[in-house]
C-alpha atoms as a PDB file:
ATOM      1  CA  MET A   1       0.018   0.085  -0.098  1.00  0.00           C
ATOM      2  CA  PRO A   2       1.122   3.149  -0.668  1.00  0.00           C
ATOM      3  CA  ALA A   3       2.173   5.839   2.458  1.00  0.00           C
ATOM      4  CA  ALA A   4      -0.865   7.752   2.372  1.00  0.00           C
ATOM      5  CA  ALA A   5      -3.001   4.409   2.863  1.00  0.00           C
ATOM      6  CA  TRP A   6      -0.612   3.394   5.885  1.00  0.00           C
ATOM      7  CA  GLY A   7      -1.385   6.657   7.715  1.00  0.00           C
ATOM      8  CA  MET A   8      -5.065   6.265   6.892  1.00  0.00           C
ATOM      9  CA  LEU A   9      -4.452   2.966   8.086  1.00  0.00           C
ATOM     10  CA  LEU A  10      -3.044   4.622  11.204  1.00  0.00           C
ATOM     11  CA  THR A  11      -5.746   6.984  11.833  1.00  0.00           C
ATOM     12  CA  LEU A  12      -8.215   4.675  11.621  1.00  0.00           C
ATOM     13  CA  SER A  13      -6.783   2.135  14.414  1.00  0.00           C
ATOM     14  CA  LEU A  14      -6.297   5.468  16.563  1.00  0.00           C
ATOM     15  CA  LEU A  15      -9.967   6.398  16.073  1.00  0.00           C
ATOM     16  CA  TRP A  16     -11.380   2.844  16.646  1.00  0.00           C
ATOM     17  CA  GLY A  17      -9.014   2.261  19.537  1.00  0.00           C
ATOM     18  CA  GLY A  18      -9.891   5.696  20.689  1.00  0.00           C
ATOM     19  CA  SER A  19     -13.812   3.907  20.848  1.00  0.00           C
ATOM     20  CA  PHE A  20     -12.912   1.699  23.269  1.00  0.00           C
ATOM     21  CA  LEU A  21     -11.515   4.893  25.752  1.00  0.00           C
ATOM     22  CA  PHE A  22     -15.231   6.950  24.917  1.00  0.00           C
ATOM     23  CA  ILE A  23     -16.834   4.254  25.825  1.00  0.00           C
ATOM     24  CA  ARG A  24     -15.132   3.404  29.407  1.00  0.00           C
ATOM     25  CA  VAL A  25     -15.332   7.190  30.025  1.00  0.00           C
ATOM     26  CA  ALA A  26     -19.251   7.269  28.951  1.00  0.00           C
ATOM     27  CA  VAL A  27     -20.661   4.200  30.524  1.00  0.00           C
ATOM     28  CA  ALA A  28     -19.486   5.515  34.153  1.00  0.00           C
ATOM     29  CA  GLU A  29     -22.451   8.118  34.185  1.00  0.00           C
ATOM     30  CA  ILE A  30     -24.933   7.214  30.795  1.00  0.00           C
ATOM     31  CA  PRO A  31     -26.881   4.079  30.549  1.00  0.00           C
ATOM     32  CA  THR A  32     -26.050   1.549  28.062  1.00  0.00           C
ATOM     33  CA  LEU A  33     -28.482   1.776  24.991  1.00  0.00           C
ATOM     34  CA  SER A  34     -28.215   5.573  25.588  1.00  0.00           C
ATOM     35  CA  VAL A  35     -24.608   5.203  25.094  1.00  0.00           C
ATOM     36  CA  VAL A  36     -25.311   3.706  22.036  1.00  0.00           C
ATOM     37  CA  LEU A  37     -28.540   5.810  20.698  1.00  0.00           C
ATOM     38  CA  ALA A  38     -26.416   8.848  20.926  1.00  0.00           C
ATOM     39  CA  ARG A  39     -23.283   7.151  18.800  1.00  0.00           C
ATOM     40  CA  VAL A  40     -25.339   6.420  16.050  1.00  0.00           C
ATOM     41  CA  ALA A  41     -28.119   9.011  15.687  1.00  0.00           C
ATOM     42  CA  VAL A  42     -24.970  11.658  16.064  1.00  0.00           C
ATOM     43  CA  ALA A  43     -23.301  10.018  13.401  1.00  0.00           C
ATOM     44  CA  ALA A  44     -26.100   9.511  11.123  1.00  0.00           C
ATOM     45  CA  ALA A  45     -27.184  12.944  11.082  1.00  0.00           C
ATOM     46  CA  VAL A  46     -24.116  14.245  10.090  1.00  0.00           C
ATOM     47  CA  LEU A  47     -23.276  11.514   7.271  1.00  0.00           C
ATOM     48  CA  LEU A  48     -26.712  12.452   6.375  1.00  0.00           C
ATOM     49  CA  VAL A  49     -25.509  15.973   5.986  1.00  0.00           C
ATOM     50  CA  VAL A  50     -22.309  14.935   4.739  1.00  0.00           C
ATOM     51  CA  ALA A  51     -24.303  12.642   1.742  1.00  0.00           C
ATOM     52  CA  ARG A  52     -26.278  15.830   0.723  1.00  0.00           C
ATOM     53  CA  LEU A  53     -23.208  17.749   0.776  1.00  0.00           C
ATOM     54  CA  ALA A  54     -21.314  15.087  -1.523  1.00  0.00           C
ATOM     55  CA  GLY A  55     -24.737  14.561  -3.646  1.00  0.00           C
ATOM     56  CA  VAL A  56     -24.851  10.897  -2.727  1.00  0.00           C
ATOM     57  CA  GLU A  57     -28.567  10.272  -3.363  1.00  0.00           C
ATOM     58  CA  MET A  58     -29.750   7.926   0.148  1.00  0.00           C
ATOM     59  CA  PRO A  59     -31.617   4.399  -1.280  1.00  0.00           C
ATOM     60  CA  ARG A  60     -35.071   4.242  -2.088  1.00  0.00           C
ATOM     61  CA  GLY A  61     -37.854   1.476  -1.755  1.00  0.00           C
ATOM     62  CA  ARG A  62     -38.528  -1.269   0.689  1.00  0.00           C
ATOM     63  CA  ARG A  63     -36.188  -3.491  -0.063  1.00  0.00           C
ATOM     64  CA  ALA A  64     -33.261  -1.036   0.398  1.00  0.00           C
ATOM     65  CA  TRP A  65     -34.418  -0.160   3.663  1.00  0.00           C
ATOM     66  CA  ARG A  66     -34.722  -3.544   4.786  1.00  0.00           C
ATOM     67  CA  ASP A  67     -31.518  -4.172   4.101  1.00  0.00           C
ATOM     68  CA  HIS A  68     -30.371  -1.592   5.615  1.00  0.00           C
ATOM     69  CA  LEU A  69     -32.514  -2.387   8.753  1.00  0.00           C
ATOM     70  CA  VAL A  70     -30.749  -5.792   9.301  1.00  0.00           C
ATOM     71  CA  MET A  71     -27.121  -4.114   8.222  1.00  0.00           C
ATOM     72  CA  GLY A  72     -27.854  -1.672  11.372  1.00  0.00           C
ATOM     73  CA  LEU A  73     -28.686  -4.361  13.546  1.00  0.00           C
ATOM     74  CA  LEU A  74     -25.682  -7.097  12.669  1.00  0.00           C
ATOM     75  CA  ASN A  75     -23.113  -3.896  12.284  1.00  0.00           C
ATOM     76  CA  ASN A  76     -24.566  -1.520  15.077  1.00  0.00           C
ATOM     77  CA  ILE A  77     -27.305  -2.233  17.283  1.00  0.00           C
ATOM     78  CA  VAL A  78     -26.144  -5.575  18.640  1.00  0.00           C
ATOM     79  CA  PRO A  79     -22.237  -5.344  18.395  1.00  0.00           C
ATOM     80  CA  PHE A  80     -22.317  -1.314  19.767  1.00  0.00           C
ATOM     81  CA  VAL A  81     -24.876  -2.727  22.677  1.00  0.00           C
ATOM     82  CA  LEU A  82     -22.227  -5.586  24.007  1.00  0.00           C
ATOM     83  CA  ILE A  83     -18.852  -4.457  23.755  1.00  0.00           C
ATOM     84  CA  VAL A  84     -20.439  -1.335  25.727  1.00  0.00           C
ATOM     85  CA  TRP A  85     -22.579  -3.481  28.114  1.00  0.00           C
ATOM     86  CA  GLY A  86     -19.253  -5.459  28.205  1.00  0.00           C
ATOM     87  CA  GLN A  87     -17.363  -2.263  29.409  1.00  0.00           C
ATOM     88  CA  ARG A  88     -18.609  -1.421  32.322  1.00  0.00           C
ATOM     89  CA  THR A  89     -16.827  -4.608  33.959  1.00  0.00           C
ATOM     90  CA  ILE A  90     -13.735  -5.247  31.538  1.00  0.00           C
ATOM     91  CA  GLY A  91     -10.942  -2.119  30.068  1.00  0.00           C
ATOM     92  CA  ALA A  92     -10.644  -0.537  27.550  1.00  0.00           C
ATOM     93  CA  GLY A  93      -7.439  -2.766  26.041  1.00  0.00           C
ATOM     94  CA  LEU A  94      -8.848  -6.146  26.721  1.00  0.00           C
ATOM     95  CA  ALA A  95     -12.805  -5.092  24.972  1.00  0.00           C
ATOM     96  CA  SER A  96     -10.554  -3.781  21.769  1.00  0.00           C
ATOM     97  CA  ILE A  97      -8.173  -7.536  22.197  1.00  0.00           C
ATOM     98  CA  LEU A  98     -11.422  -9.715  21.847  1.00  0.00           C
ATOM     99  CA  ASN A  99     -13.013  -7.043  19.080  1.00  0.00           C
ATOM    100  CA  ALA A 100      -9.589  -8.107  16.897  1.00  0.00           C
ATOM    101  CA  THR A 101     -11.225 -11.411  16.720  1.00  0.00           C
ATOM    102  CA  THR A 102     -13.659  -9.996  14.582  1.00  0.00           C
ATOM    103  CA  PRO A 103     -11.872 -11.080  11.013  1.00  0.00           C
ATOM    104  CA  ILE A 104     -11.755 -14.740  12.652  1.00  0.00           C
ATOM    105  CA  PHE A 105     -15.449 -14.852  12.816  1.00  0.00           C
ATOM    106  CA  GLY A 106     -15.722 -13.441   9.036  1.00  0.00           C
ATOM    107  CA  VAL A 107     -13.779 -16.182   7.694  1.00  0.00           C
ATOM    108  CA  ILE A 108     -15.917 -19.033   9.414  1.00  0.00           C
ATOM    109  CA  VAL A 109     -19.013 -17.714   8.720  1.00  0.00           C
ATOM    110  CA  ALA A 110     -18.101 -16.920   4.782  1.00  0.00           C
ATOM    111  CA  HIS A 111     -17.056 -20.527   4.685  1.00  0.00           C
ATOM    112  CA  LEU A 112     -20.687 -21.786   6.142  1.00  0.00           C
ATOM    113  CA  PHE A 113     -22.393 -19.503   4.216  1.00  0.00           C
ATOM    114  CA  THR A 114     -20.525 -18.827   0.956  1.00  0.00           C
ATOM    115  CA  ALA A 115     -19.828 -21.081  -2.050  1.00  0.00           C
ATOM    116  CA  ASP A 116     -16.769 -18.511  -3.391  1.00  0.00           C
ATOM    117  CA  ASP A 117     -14.877 -18.014  -0.054  1.00  0.00           C
ATOM    118  CA  LYS A 118     -14.328 -20.801   1.836  1.00  0.00           C
ATOM    119  CA  ALA A 119     -11.825 -21.279   4.278  1.00  0.00           C
ATOM    120  CA  THR A 120      -7.938 -22.359   3.073  1.00  0.00           C
ATOM    121  CA  PRO A 121      -6.265 -25.281   5.173  1.00  0.00           C
ATOM    122  CA  LEU A 122      -3.515 -21.745   5.737  1.00  0.00           C
ATOM    123  CA  LYS A 123      -6.903 -19.588   6.986  1.00  0.00           C
ATOM    124  CA  ALA A 124      -8.183 -23.088   9.393  1.00  0.00           C
ATOM    125  CA  VAL A 125      -4.934 -22.918  10.691  1.00  0.00           C
ATOM    126  CA  GLY A 126      -4.846 -19.053  11.807  1.00  0.00           C
ATOM    127  CA  VAL A 127      -8.108 -19.331  13.081  1.00  0.00           C
ATOM    128  CA  ALA A 128      -7.206 -21.968  15.527  1.00  0.00           C
ATOM    129  CA  VAL A 129      -4.268 -20.468  16.507  1.00  0.00           C
ATOM    130  CA  ALA A 130      -6.397 -17.128  16.627  1.00  0.00           C
ATOM    131  CA  PHE A 131      -8.628 -18.868  18.992  1.00  0.00           C
ATOM    132  CA  ALA A 132      -5.705 -20.351  21.191  1.00  0.00           C
ATOM    133  CA  GLY A 133      -5.423 -16.403  21.656  1.00  0.00           C
ATOM    134  CA  VAL A 134      -8.748 -15.761  22.877  1.00  0.00           C
ATOM    135  CA  ALA A 135      -8.225 -18.853  25.052  1.00  0.00           C
ATOM    136  CA  VAL A 136      -5.130 -17.163  26.978  1.00  0.00           C
ATOM    137  CA  LEU A 137      -6.792 -14.057  27.314  1.00  0.00           C
ATOM    138  CA  VAL A 138      -9.697 -15.206  28.963  1.00  0.00           C
ATOM    139  CA  GLY A 139      -7.751 -17.788  31.113  1.00  0.00           C
ATOM    140  CA  ILE A 140      -8.873 -18.990  34.246  1.00  0.00           C
ATOM    141  CA  ASP A 141     -12.170 -17.560  34.625  1.00  0.00           C
ATOM    142  CA  ALA A 142     -13.389 -19.685  31.887  1.00  0.00           C
ATOM    143  CA  LEU A 143     -12.623 -22.498  34.275  1.00  0.00           C
ATOM    144  CA  THR A 144     -14.013 -21.034  37.625  1.00  0.00           C
ATOM    145  CA  GLY A 145     -17.959 -20.525  36.263  1.00  0.00           C
ATOM    146  CA  LEU A 146     -20.024 -17.854  34.330  1.00  0.00           C
ATOM    147  CA  GLY A 147     -18.899 -14.998  36.604  1.00  0.00           C
ATOM    148  CA  ASP A 148     -18.956 -10.757  35.473  1.00  0.00           C
ATOM    149  CA  HIS A 149     -15.780 -10.699  33.690  1.00  0.00           C
ATOM    150  CA  LEU A 150     -16.253 -14.124  31.779  1.00  0.00           C
ATOM    151  CA  LEU A 151     -20.010 -12.484  30.708  1.00  0.00           C
ATOM    152  CA  ALA A 152     -18.136  -9.092  29.722  1.00  0.00           C
ATOM    153  CA  GLU A 153     -15.773 -11.101  27.179  1.00  0.00           C
ATOM    154  CA  LEU A 154     -18.403 -13.123  26.030  1.00  0.00           C
ATOM    155  CA  ALA A 155     -20.260 -10.248  25.302  1.00  0.00           C
ATOM    156  CA  CYS A 156     -17.340  -8.719  23.210  1.00  0.00           C
ATOM    157  CA  LEU A 157     -16.745 -11.776  20.744  1.00  0.00           C
ATOM    158  CA  GLY A 158     -20.498 -11.829  20.809  1.00  0.00           C
ATOM    159  CA  ALA A 159     -20.308  -8.386  19.370  1.00  0.00           C
ATOM    160  CA  ALA A 160     -17.198  -9.831  17.117  1.00  0.00           C
ATOM    161  CA  LEU A 161     -19.497 -12.673  15.689  1.00  0.00           C
ATOM    162  CA  SER A 162     -22.195 -10.414  14.682  1.00  0.00           C
ATOM    163  CA  TYR A 163     -19.426  -8.143  12.587  1.00  0.00           C
ATOM    164  CA  GLY A 164     -18.632 -11.527  10.804  1.00  0.00           C
ATOM    165  CA  PHE A 165     -22.394 -11.852   9.795  1.00  0.00           C
ATOM    166  CA  SER A 166     -22.322  -7.830   8.619  1.00  0.00           C
ATOM    167  CA  GLY A 167     -19.160  -8.705   6.143  1.00  0.00           C
ATOM    168  CA  LEU A 168     -21.388 -11.222   4.812  1.00  0.00           C
ATOM    169  CA  TRP A 169     -24.639  -9.368   5.155  1.00  0.00           C
ATOM    170  CA  SER A 170     -22.899  -5.867   3.048  1.00  0.00           C
ATOM    171  CA  ARG A 171     -21.886  -8.167   0.218  1.00  0.00           C
ATOM    172  CA  ARG A 172     -25.720  -7.185  -1.255  1.00  0.00           C
ATOM    173  CA  PHE A 173     -24.467  -3.232  -0.869  1.00  0.00           C
ATOM    174  CA  ARG A 174     -21.473  -3.689  -3.223  1.00  0.00           C
ATOM    175  CA  GLY A 175     -21.858  -0.744  -6.440  1.00  0.00           C
ATOM    176  CA  ARG A 176     -23.834   1.224  -3.637  1.00  0.00           C
ATOM    177  CA  PRO A 177     -22.356   4.307  -2.606  1.00  0.00           C
ATOM    178  CA  PRO A 178     -20.648   3.379   0.625  1.00  0.00           C
ATOM    179  CA  ILE A 179     -21.156   6.784   2.173  1.00  0.00           C
ATOM    180  CA  ALA A 180     -24.919   6.546   1.342  1.00  0.00           C
ATOM    181  CA  THR A 181     -24.744   2.749   3.048  1.00  0.00           C
ATOM    182  CA  ALA A 182     -23.455   3.933   6.526  1.00  0.00           C
ATOM    183  CA  ALA A 183     -25.497   6.625   6.608  1.00  0.00           C
ATOM    184  CA  GLY A 184     -28.517   4.298   5.846  1.00  0.00           C
ATOM    185  CA  GLN A 185     -27.743   1.635   8.411  1.00  0.00           C
ATOM    186  CA  LEU A 186     -27.141   4.647  11.374  1.00  0.00           C
ATOM    187  CA  THR A 187     -30.240   5.922  10.412  1.00  0.00           C
ATOM    188  CA  CYS A 188     -32.136   2.561  10.564  1.00  0.00           C
ATOM    189  CA  SER A 189     -30.342   1.826  13.754  1.00  0.00           C
ATOM    190  CA  SER A 190     -31.501   5.042  15.199  1.00  0.00           C
ATOM    191  CA  LEU A 191     -35.223   4.513  14.773  1.00  0.00           C
ATOM    192  CA  VAL A 192     -34.578   0.770  16.373  1.00  0.00           C
ATOM    193  CA  LEU A 193     -33.084   2.305  19.397  1.00  0.00           C
ATOM    194  CA  ALA A 194     -35.271   5.497  20.431  1.00  0.00           C
ATOM    195  CA  PRO A 195     -38.123   3.889  21.437  1.00  0.00           C
ATOM    196  CA  ALA A 196     -36.128   0.728  22.827  1.00  0.00           C
ATOM    197  CA  VAL A 197     -34.475   3.591  25.034  1.00  0.00           C
ATOM    198  CA  LEU A 198     -37.657   5.300  26.073  1.00  0.00           C
ATOM    199  CA  LEU A 199     -39.528   2.033  27.080  1.00  0.00           C
ATOM    200  CA  LEU A 200     -36.591   0.429  28.761  1.00  0.00           C
ATOM    201  CA  ASP A 201     -34.272   2.912  30.135  1.00  0.00           C
ATOM    202  CA  PRO A 202     -35.700   6.689  29.773  1.00  0.00           C
ATOM    203  CA  PRO A 203     -33.253   9.122  30.440  1.00  0.00           C
ATOM    204  CA  TRP A 204     -34.658  11.199  32.686  1.00  0.00           C
ATOM    205  CA  ARG A 205     -34.664   8.048  35.186  1.00  0.00           C
ATOM    206  CA  HIS A 206     -30.947   8.989  36.040  1.00  0.00           C
ATOM    207  CA  ALA A 207     -28.667  11.851  37.230  1.00  0.00           C
ATOM    208  CA  ALA A 208     -27.857  13.898  34.307  1.00  0.00           C
ATOM    209  CA  PRO A 209     -24.236  13.194  32.812  1.00  0.00           C
ATOM    210  CA  GLY A 210     -21.154  15.334  33.351  1.00  0.00           C
ATOM    211  CA  ALA A 211     -19.312  17.162  30.599  1.00  0.00           C
ATOM    212  CA  THR A 212     -16.828  14.713  30.679  1.00  0.00           C
ATOM    213  CA  ALA A 213     -19.218  12.176  29.615  1.00  0.00           C
ATOM    214  CA  ILE A 214     -21.052  14.150  27.150  1.00  0.00           C
ATOM    215  CA  ALA A 215     -17.467  15.070  25.478  1.00  0.00           C
ATOM    216  CA  ALA A 216     -16.673  11.285  25.489  1.00  0.00           C
ATOM    217  CA  VAL A 217     -20.234  10.522  23.811  1.00  0.00           C
ATOM    218  CA  LEU A 218     -19.915  13.119  21.134  1.00  0.00           C
ATOM    219  CA  ALA A 219     -16.188  12.260  20.459  1.00  0.00           C
ATOM    220  CA  LEU A 220     -17.501   7.806  20.047  1.00  0.00           C
ATOM    221  CA  ALA A 221     -19.980   9.501  17.570  1.00  0.00           C
ATOM    222  CA  LEU A 222     -18.195  12.174  15.652  1.00  0.00           C
ATOM    223  CA  LEU A 223     -14.716  10.506  15.679  1.00  0.00           C
ATOM    224  CA  SER A 224     -15.005   6.994  16.139  1.00  0.00           C
ATOM    225  CA  THR A 225     -18.401   6.626  14.329  1.00  0.00           C
ATOM    226  CA  ALA A 226     -18.512   8.889  11.541  1.00  0.00           C
ATOM    227  CA  LEU A 227     -15.559   9.979  10.784  1.00  0.00           C
ATOM    228  CA  ALA A 228     -14.016   6.373  10.983  1.00  0.00           C
ATOM    229  CA  TYR A 229     -16.830   4.887   8.262  1.00  0.00           C
ATOM    230  CA  ILE A 230     -15.585   7.892   6.604  1.00  0.00           C
ATOM    231  CA  LEU A 231     -12.290   6.810   6.671  1.00  0.00           C
ATOM    232  CA  PHE A 232     -12.936   2.961   6.177  1.00  0.00           C
ATOM    233  CA  PHE A 233     -14.762   3.106   2.851  1.00  0.00           C
ATOM    234  CA  ARG A 234     -12.366   5.103   1.546  1.00  0.00           C
ATOM    235  CA  LEU A 235      -9.595   2.786   2.369  1.00  0.00           C
ATOM    236  CA  THR A 236     -11.700   0.120   0.865  1.00  0.00           C
ATOM    237  CA  THR A 237     -12.062   1.603  -2.582  1.00  0.00           C
ATOM    238  CA  ALA A 238      -8.377   2.957  -2.350  1.00  0.00           C
ATOM    239  CA  VAL A 239      -7.190  -0.249  -1.322  1.00  0.00           C
ATOM    240  CA  GLY A 240      -9.756  -2.928  -1.359  1.00  0.00           C
ATOM    241  CA  PRO A 241     -11.144  -4.865   1.836  1.00  0.00           C
ATOM    242  CA  THR A 242      -8.223  -7.233   2.432  1.00  0.00           C
ATOM    243  CA  ASN A 243      -5.569  -4.727   2.949  1.00  0.00           C
ATOM    244  CA  THR A 244      -8.150  -2.039   4.791  1.00  0.00           C
ATOM    245  CA  MET A 245      -8.399  -5.813   7.100  1.00  0.00           C
ATOM    246  CA  PHE A 246      -5.076  -4.774   8.405  1.00  0.00           C
ATOM    247  CA  VAL A 247      -6.309  -2.364  11.110  1.00  0.00           C
ATOM    248  CA  THR A 248      -7.093  -4.819  13.233  1.00  0.00           C
ATOM    249  CA  PHE A 249      -3.483  -5.795  14.145  1.00  0.00           C
ATOM    250  CA  LEU A 250      -3.711  -2.145  14.879  1.00  0.00           C
ATOM    251  CA  ILE A 251      -6.153  -1.180  17.306  1.00  0.00           C
ATOM    252  CA  PRO A 252      -5.795  -3.177  20.393  1.00  0.00           C
ATOM    253  CA  PRO A 253      -1.795  -1.836  20.595  1.00  0.00           C
ATOM    254  CA  SER A 254      -3.814   1.467  19.692  1.00  0.00           C
ATOM    255  CA  ALA A 255      -6.507   0.729  22.194  1.00  0.00           C
ATOM    256  CA  ILE A 256      -4.077  -0.442  24.761  1.00  0.00           C
ATOM    257  CA  LEU A 257      -1.844   2.737  24.392  1.00  0.00           C
ATOM    258  CA  LEU A 258      -4.672   4.959  24.645  1.00  0.00           C
ATOM    259  CA  GLY A 259      -6.307   3.231  27.774  1.00  0.00           C
ATOM    260  CA  TRP A 260      -2.426   3.298  29.428  1.00  0.00           C
ATOM    261  CA  VAL A 261      -2.659   7.331  29.028  1.00  0.00           C
ATOM    262  CA  PHE A 262      -5.554   8.525  29.647  1.00  0.00           C
ATOM    263  CA  LEU A 263      -7.664   5.820  31.924  1.00  0.00           C
ATOM    264  CA  GLY A 264      -3.791   4.418  33.887  1.00  0.00           C
ATOM    265  CA  GLU A 265      -5.098   0.481  32.872  1.00  0.00           C
ATOM    266  CA  HIS A 266      -2.976  -2.156  33.175  1.00  0.00           C
ATOM    267  CA  LEU A 267      -2.874  -5.596  31.488  1.00  0.00           C
ATOM    268  CA  ALA A 268      -1.379  -8.739  32.652  1.00  0.00           C
ATOM    269  CA  THR A 269       1.074 -11.205  31.443  1.00  0.00           C
ATOM    270  CA  GLN A 270      -1.803 -13.687  29.848  1.00  0.00           C
ATOM    271  CA  HIS A 271      -3.133 -10.567  27.842  1.00  0.00           C
ATOM    272  CA  LEU A 272      -0.232  -9.418  25.995  1.00  0.00           C
ATOM    273  CA  ALA A 273       0.736 -13.248  25.569  1.00  0.00           C
ATOM    274  CA  GLY A 274      -3.373 -13.573  23.967  1.00  0.00           C
ATOM    275  CA  VAL A 275      -2.942 -10.219  21.950  1.00  0.00           C
ATOM    276  CA  ALA A 276       0.508 -12.186  20.120  1.00  0.00           C
ATOM    277  CA  LEU A 277      -1.266 -15.229  19.775  1.00  0.00           C
ATOM    278  CA  ILE A 278      -4.066 -13.654  18.021  1.00  0.00           C
ATOM    279  CA  GLY A 279      -1.911 -11.417  16.093  1.00  0.00           C
ATOM    280  CA  VAL A 280       0.271 -14.516  14.895  1.00  0.00           C
ATOM    281  CA  GLY A 281      -3.643 -16.227  13.863  1.00  0.00           C
ATOM    282  CA  LEU A 282      -4.496 -12.964  11.843  1.00  0.00           C
ATOM    283  CA  ALA A 283      -1.002 -13.274   9.909  1.00  0.00           C
ATOM    284  CA  VAL A 284      -1.536 -16.892   8.969  1.00  0.00           C
ATOM    285  CA  VAL A 285      -5.145 -16.084   7.964  1.00  0.00           C
ATOM    286  CA  ASP A 286      -4.175 -13.083   6.033  1.00  0.00           C
ATOM    287  CA  GLY A 287      -1.418 -15.389   4.275  1.00  0.00           C
ATOM    288  CA  ARG A 288       0.678 -12.945   2.738  1.00  0.00           C
ATOM    289  CA  ILE A 289       3.942 -13.554   4.605  1.00  0.00           C
ATOM    290  CA  PHE A 290       4.002 -16.982   3.774  1.00  0.00           C
ATOM    291  CA  ARG A 291       3.077 -16.192  -0.004  1.00  0.00           C
ATOM    292  CA  ARG A 292       5.825 -13.570   0.049  1.00  0.00           C
ATOM    293  CA  SER A 293       8.582 -16.410   1.577  1.00  0.00           C
ATOM    294  CA  GLY A 294       7.280 -18.806  -1.173  1.00  0.00           C
ATOM    295  CA  THR A 295       6.177 -21.299   1.848  1.00  0.00           C
ATOM    296  CA  ALA A 296       2.377 -21.136  -0.294  1.00  0.00           C
END
């Protein structure tokens, strides 16, 4: 990839790595569903304005909006809610590491539900190694019963699985303007979450959040969602989805760095070992190292 693409990739990793930091700050004062609603609603409003200024038409017809609704469920509502809920009990660094399993689930989902994207033996080895990394991350909690910590980790893994299915569903958006797809799915997500928040956890039941929490939510919506989506779709157009996948290598270190600098978080040795194994697994899944060395 050219230097400009690597620059965008690094920027995107910081934006998405920062989302775990912003969430950790926001959930200290704001309920889970309210954080997610604010994230998608503000981002949707921004992207709708950008699309309008760029002259991009939004989708029309019931089928198009149904597709965006399903995409919103798989790519926004389910993973965002699970990650925000999980981060009430685990740190930003660990949550970002678990999120890095997304391409692993993507390989499995594509193998099971597509005819043209089957897992190769090399990919299967990569998946096995990466899952070993996840097992190291979870550690002894898995043997001591379902505690709050383990449930939070499983929630983040569930979010990664949902992202895997969203990748499968996104195939039907090929050829459509990327910003319209992003704005459409976020708009649908907002329309679904708004009544859910009002019915299940209305804001007036809670004390008003402070300026820090509000700033974290705005940063989450504007930087880690709206701006990140624009960068992401520019990258996929410029260098393809395979190269863009490298952002998953960079998100955990970015989140760990930001959590250490701003939150004083600490990761145990097992977490670092887990990150190493996940990184090796993703490298094997990608396969280009072996192709360059002539071993595959």
